[in-house]
Amino acid sequence: MSSLKSEGISISELARRLEMTRQGAQKSVAGLEMDGLVYSEVDPANSSAKIVRLTKLGFQTIEKAQEIFKALEVELAARIGEKRLAALRDALGQNWSDPPTVY
């Protein structure tokens, strides 16, 4: 849901951003639609495409998630300290390249 813009996004663009197939993006959108978090409509600029937009519940869910993540960061900083939290953010933000292949 964090990849959705307030003005909406095409399913093709969503798939590109999420690095998944268009069919995979459509399936994900369908699940979010069933949960009432997004809705889709025909793109006025391209009648063969759909635009996906957040519902009011979708926006509220993102806001709540942001509040939860902020509270978790505050708690983590209290437990390990600001300096270690900054180092953790830096480490997690590094390019880890592709995951290893598992056979």
N, C-alpha and C. Protein backbone atom coordinates (compact mmCIF):
# COMPACT_ATOMS: atom_id res chain seq x y z
N MET A 1 0.81 -1.19 0.00
CA MET A 1 0.00 0.00 0.00
C MET A 1 0.85 1.25 0.00
N SER A 2 2.06 1.14 0.53
CA SER A 2 2.90 2.34 0.58
C SER A 2 3.34 2.78 -0.82
N SER A 3 3.21 1.92 -1.82
CA SER A 3 3.57 2.29 -3.18
C SER A 3 2.47 3.05 -3.91
N LEU A 4 1.30 3.13 -3.29
CA LEU A 4 0.19 3.83 -3.91
C LEU A 4 0.30 5.32 -3.66
N LYS A 5 0.11 6.10 -4.71
CA LYS A 5 0.11 7.56 -4.58
C LYS A 5 -1.30 8.02 -4.26
N SER A 6 -1.42 9.20 -3.71
CA SER A 6 -2.75 9.72 -3.39
C SER A 6 -3.59 9.95 -4.65
N GLU A 7 -2.93 10.26 -5.77
CA GLU A 7 -3.68 10.46 -7.01
C GLU A 7 -3.94 9.14 -7.75
N GLY A 8 -3.44 8.05 -7.22
CA GLY A 8 -3.66 6.76 -7.84
C GLY A 8 -2.47 6.32 -8.67
N ILE A 9 -2.49 5.05 -9.07
CA ILE A 9 -1.40 4.48 -9.84
C ILE A 9 -1.96 3.36 -10.70
N SER A 10 -1.40 3.22 -11.88
CA SER A 10 -1.86 2.13 -12.74
C SER A 10 -1.32 0.80 -12.20
N ILE A 11 -2.01 -0.26 -12.52
CA ILE A 11 -1.55 -1.57 -12.07
C ILE A 11 -0.20 -1.90 -12.69
N SER A 12 0.01 -1.51 -13.94
CA SER A 12 1.31 -1.74 -14.59
C SER A 12 2.44 -1.03 -13.86
N GLU A 13 2.20 0.23 -13.49
CA GLU A 13 3.22 1.00 -12.75
C GLU A 13 3.45 0.40 -11.37
N LEU A 14 2.39 -0.02 -10.72
CA LEU A 14 2.51 -0.66 -9.41
C LEU A 14 3.36 -1.92 -9.52
N ALA A 15 3.10 -2.72 -10.54
CA ALA A 15 3.88 -3.95 -10.75
C ALA A 15 5.36 -3.62 -10.95
N ARG A 16 5.63 -2.58 -11.74
CA ARG A 16 7.02 -2.18 -11.98
C ARG A 16 7.71 -1.75 -10.69
N ARG A 17 7.03 -0.95 -9.90
CA ARG A 17 7.62 -0.47 -8.64
C ARG A 17 7.87 -1.60 -7.65
N LEU A 18 6.97 -2.57 -7.65
CA LEU A 18 7.10 -3.69 -6.72
C LEU A 18 7.95 -4.83 -7.28
N GLU A 19 8.42 -4.63 -8.52
CA GLU A 19 9.23 -5.63 -9.20
C GLU A 19 8.54 -6.99 -9.23
N MET A 20 7.30 -6.96 -9.70
CA MET A 20 6.52 -8.18 -9.82
C MET A 20 5.77 -8.17 -11.15
N THR A 21 5.13 -9.28 -11.47
CA THR A 21 4.37 -9.33 -12.71
C THR A 21 3.10 -8.51 -12.57
N ARG A 22 2.55 -8.14 -13.70
CA ARG A 22 1.28 -7.41 -13.71
C ARG A 22 0.18 -8.27 -13.09
N GLN A 23 0.21 -9.56 -13.39
CA GLN A 23 -0.78 -10.48 -12.83
C GLN A 23 -0.66 -10.56 -11.31
N GLY A 24 0.57 -10.56 -10.82
CA GLY A 24 0.79 -10.57 -9.37
C GLY A 24 0.28 -9.31 -8.71
N ALA A 25 0.50 -8.18 -9.38
CA ALA A 25 0.00 -6.91 -8.85
C ALA A 25 -1.52 -6.89 -8.85
N GLN A 26 -2.13 -7.41 -9.92
CA GLN A 26 -3.60 -7.47 -9.98
C GLN A 26 -4.16 -8.32 -8.85
N LYS A 27 -3.50 -9.43 -8.56
CA LYS A 27 -3.95 -10.31 -7.48
C LYS A 27 -3.82 -9.61 -6.12
N SER A 28 -2.73 -8.89 -5.92
CA SER A 28 -2.54 -8.15 -4.67
C SER A 28 -3.60 -7.06 -4.52
N VAL A 29 -3.87 -6.35 -5.60
CA VAL A 29 -4.88 -5.29 -5.58
C VAL A 29 -6.24 -5.89 -5.27
N ALA A 30 -6.55 -7.03 -5.87
CA ALA A 30 -7.85 -7.68 -5.62
C ALA A 30 -8.02 -7.99 -4.13
N GLY A 31 -6.96 -8.46 -3.49
CA GLY A 31 -7.02 -8.74 -2.05
C GLY A 31 -7.23 -7.48 -1.23
N LEU A 32 -6.54 -6.41 -1.60
CA LEU A 32 -6.69 -5.13 -0.90
C LEU A 32 -8.09 -4.55 -1.12
N GLU A 33 -8.63 -4.78 -2.32
CA GLU A 33 -9.99 -4.32 -2.59
C GLU A 33 -11.00 -5.06 -1.72
N MET A 34 -10.81 -6.37 -1.58
CA MET A 34 -11.72 -7.16 -0.74
C MET A 34 -11.68 -6.69 0.71
N ASP A 35 -10.52 -6.20 1.14
CA ASP A 35 -10.38 -5.70 2.51
C ASP A 35 -10.84 -4.25 2.65
N GLY A 36 -11.24 -3.63 1.55
CA GLY A 36 -11.73 -2.25 1.60
C GLY A 36 -10.65 -1.20 1.70
N LEU A 37 -9.40 -1.56 1.37
CA LEU A 37 -8.29 -0.63 1.51
C LEU A 37 -8.00 0.17 0.25
N VAL A 38 -8.37 -0.38 -0.91
CA VAL A 38 -8.18 0.30 -2.18
C VAL A 38 -9.40 0.07 -3.06
N TYR A 39 -9.50 0.86 -4.10
CA TYR A 39 -10.49 0.63 -5.14
C TYR A 39 -9.83 0.91 -6.47
N SER A 40 -10.36 0.31 -7.52
CA SER A 40 -9.79 0.56 -8.84
C SER A 40 -10.90 1.02 -9.77
N GLU A 41 -10.48 1.80 -10.76
CA GLU A 41 -11.43 2.31 -11.74
C GLU A 41 -10.71 2.43 -13.07
N VAL A 42 -11.48 2.52 -14.13
CA VAL A 42 -10.91 2.65 -15.47
C VAL A 42 -10.14 3.97 -15.56
N ASP A 43 -8.95 3.89 -16.13
CA ASP A 43 -8.12 5.07 -16.34
C ASP A 43 -8.76 5.94 -17.43
N PRO A 44 -9.12 7.19 -17.12
CA PRO A 44 -9.75 8.04 -18.13
C PRO A 44 -8.84 8.30 -19.33
N ALA A 45 -7.54 8.19 -19.15
CA ALA A 45 -6.60 8.42 -20.25
C ALA A 45 -6.36 7.17 -21.09
N ASN A 46 -6.74 5.99 -20.55
CA ASN A 46 -6.50 4.73 -21.25
C ASN A 46 -7.56 3.73 -20.79
N SER A 47 -8.58 3.56 -21.58
CA SER A 47 -9.72 2.74 -21.16
C SER A 47 -9.38 1.27 -20.96
N SER A 48 -8.21 0.84 -21.41
CA SER A 48 -7.83 -0.56 -21.19
C SER A 48 -7.02 -0.74 -19.91
N ALA A 49 -6.77 0.34 -19.19
CA ALA A 49 -5.98 0.28 -17.96
C ALA A 49 -6.85 0.66 -16.77
N LYS A 50 -6.40 0.24 -15.58
CA LYS A 50 -7.09 0.60 -14.35
C LYS A 50 -6.16 1.42 -13.47
N ILE A 51 -6.77 2.34 -12.75
CA ILE A 51 -6.06 3.15 -11.76
C ILE A 51 -6.49 2.65 -10.39
N VAL A 52 -5.51 2.46 -9.52
CA VAL A 52 -5.77 2.00 -8.15
C VAL A 52 -5.59 3.17 -7.21
N ARG A 53 -6.56 3.35 -6.32
CA ARG A 53 -6.51 4.44 -5.34
C ARG A 53 -6.82 3.90 -3.95
N LEU A 54 -6.28 4.57 -2.95
CA LEU A 54 -6.57 4.21 -1.56
C LEU A 54 -7.97 4.69 -1.18
N THR A 55 -8.65 3.90 -0.38
CA THR A 55 -9.91 4.33 0.21
C THR A 55 -9.60 5.12 1.48
N LYS A 56 -10.62 5.68 2.09
CA LYS A 56 -10.44 6.37 3.37
C LYS A 56 -9.83 5.41 4.39
N LEU A 57 -10.34 4.17 4.41
CA LEU A 57 -9.79 3.16 5.32
C LEU A 57 -8.32 2.88 4.99
N GLY A 58 -7.98 2.86 3.71
CA GLY A 58 -6.60 2.64 3.30
C GLY A 58 -5.67 3.72 3.84
N PHE A 59 -6.10 4.99 3.69
CA PHE A 59 -5.30 6.10 4.23
C PHE A 59 -5.18 6.00 5.75
N GLN A 60 -6.28 5.67 6.42
CA GLN A 60 -6.26 5.54 7.88
C GLN A 60 -5.33 4.41 8.32
N THR A 61 -5.33 3.32 7.56
CA THR A 61 -4.47 2.18 7.88
C THR A 61 -3.00 2.56 7.76
N ILE A 62 -2.65 3.29 6.72
CA ILE A 62 -1.27 3.74 6.54
C ILE A 62 -0.87 4.68 7.68
N GLU A 63 -1.75 5.60 8.03
CA GLU A 63 -1.45 6.53 9.13
C GLU A 63 -1.23 5.77 10.43
N LYS A 64 -2.06 4.78 10.71
CA LYS A 64 -1.93 3.99 11.93
C LYS A 64 -0.61 3.20 11.92
N ALA A 65 -0.27 2.63 10.77
CA ALA A 65 0.99 1.89 10.66
C ALA A 65 2.18 2.81 10.91
N GLN A 66 2.12 4.04 10.39
CA GLN A 66 3.20 4.99 10.61
C GLN A 66 3.33 5.34 12.10
N GLU A 67 2.20 5.48 12.78
CA GLU A 67 2.22 5.75 14.22
C GLU A 67 2.86 4.58 14.98
N ILE A 68 2.51 3.37 14.59
CA ILE A 68 3.05 2.17 15.24
C ILE A 68 4.55 2.08 15.02
N PHE A 69 5.01 2.30 13.78
CA PHE A 69 6.44 2.25 13.50
C PHE A 69 7.20 3.32 14.28
N LYS A 70 6.62 4.51 14.40
CA LYS A 70 7.27 5.58 15.17
C LYS A 70 7.39 5.18 16.64
N ALA A 71 6.33 4.61 17.19
CA ALA A 71 6.36 4.17 18.59
C ALA A 71 7.40 3.07 18.78
N LEU A 72 7.50 2.17 17.81
CA LEU A 72 8.51 1.11 17.89
C LEU A 72 9.93 1.68 17.84
N GLU A 73 10.13 2.70 17.00
CA GLU A 73 11.44 3.34 16.93
C GLU A 73 11.80 4.02 18.25
N VAL A 74 10.83 4.68 18.86
CA VAL A 74 11.06 5.34 20.15
C VAL A 74 11.43 4.30 21.19
N GLU A 75 10.70 3.20 21.21
CA GLU A 75 10.99 2.12 22.18
C GLU A 75 12.36 1.51 21.92
N LEU A 76 12.68 1.27 20.66
CA LEU A 76 13.98 0.69 20.33
C LEU A 76 15.12 1.63 20.72
N ALA A 77 14.94 2.94 20.48
CA ALA A 77 15.96 3.92 20.86
C ALA A 77 16.14 3.93 22.37
N ALA A 78 15.06 3.78 23.11
CA ALA A 78 15.16 3.74 24.57
C ALA A 78 15.92 2.50 25.03
N ARG A 79 15.76 1.41 24.32
CA ARG A 79 16.41 0.16 24.72
C ARG A 79 17.87 0.07 24.30
N ILE A 80 18.18 0.51 23.06
CA ILE A 80 19.56 0.33 22.58
C ILE A 80 20.31 1.64 22.41
N GLY A 81 19.64 2.77 22.52
CA GLY A 81 20.29 4.07 22.38
C GLY A 81 20.19 4.60 20.96
N GLU A 82 20.20 5.93 20.87
CA GLU A 82 20.07 6.61 19.57
C GLU A 82 21.22 6.27 18.63
N LYS A 83 22.44 6.19 19.17
CA LYS A 83 23.61 5.93 18.33
C LYS A 83 23.52 4.54 17.69
N ARG A 84 23.13 3.54 18.46
CA ARG A 84 22.99 2.19 17.91
C ARG A 84 21.81 2.12 16.94
N LEU A 85 20.75 2.85 17.23
CA LEU A 85 19.60 2.86 16.32
C LEU A 85 20.01 3.47 14.98
N ALA A 86 20.80 4.53 15.02
CA ALA A 86 21.27 5.15 13.77
C ALA A 86 22.16 4.18 12.99
N ALA A 87 23.01 3.44 13.70
CA ALA A 87 23.86 2.44 13.04
C ALA A 87 23.01 1.32 12.44
N LEU A 88 21.97 0.93 13.14
CA LEU A 88 21.08 -0.11 12.64
C LEU A 88 20.35 0.37 11.38
N ARG A 89 19.86 1.60 11.41
CA ARG A 89 19.21 2.16 10.22
C ARG A 89 20.17 2.18 9.03
N ASP A 90 21.42 2.59 9.30
CA ASP A 90 22.42 2.65 8.25
C ASP A 90 22.69 1.25 7.68
N ALA A 91 22.85 0.27 8.55
CA ALA A 91 23.12 -1.10 8.10
C ALA A 91 21.96 -1.66 7.28
N LEU A 92 20.76 -1.42 7.73
CA LEU A 92 19.59 -1.94 7.02
C LEU A 92 19.34 -1.21 5.71
N GLY A 93 19.86 0.00 5.60
CA GLY A 93 19.68 0.79 4.38
C GLY A 93 20.71 0.50 3.30
N GLN A 94 21.68 -0.33 3.60
CA GLN A 94 22.72 -0.66 2.63
C GLN A 94 22.16 -1.55 1.51
N ASN A 95 22.83 -1.53 0.36
CA ASN A 95 22.47 -2.42 -0.74
C ASN A 95 23.01 -3.81 -0.42
N TRP A 96 22.12 -4.72 -0.19
CA TRP A 96 22.51 -6.08 0.17
C TRP A 96 22.59 -6.99 -1.05
N SER A 97 22.37 -6.45 -2.21
CA SER A 97 22.33 -7.17 -3.49
C SER A 97 21.25 -8.24 -3.46
N ASP A 98 21.29 -9.12 -4.43
CA ASP A 98 20.28 -10.15 -4.53
C ASP A 98 20.44 -11.19 -3.42
N PRO A 99 19.32 -11.78 -2.98
CA PRO A 99 19.43 -12.81 -1.95
C PRO A 99 20.13 -14.05 -2.51
N PRO A 100 20.72 -14.87 -1.64
CA PRO A 100 21.39 -16.07 -2.13
C PRO A 100 20.38 -17.04 -2.74
N THR A 101 20.86 -17.81 -3.70
CA THR A 101 20.02 -18.83 -4.32
C THR A 101 20.00 -20.06 -3.43
N VAL A 102 18.81 -20.54 -3.17
CA VAL A 102 18.64 -21.73 -2.33
C VAL A 102 18.23 -22.87 -3.24
N TYR A 103 18.95 -23.97 -3.14
CA TYR A 103 18.65 -25.13 -3.99
C TYR A 103 17.92 -26.19 -3.22
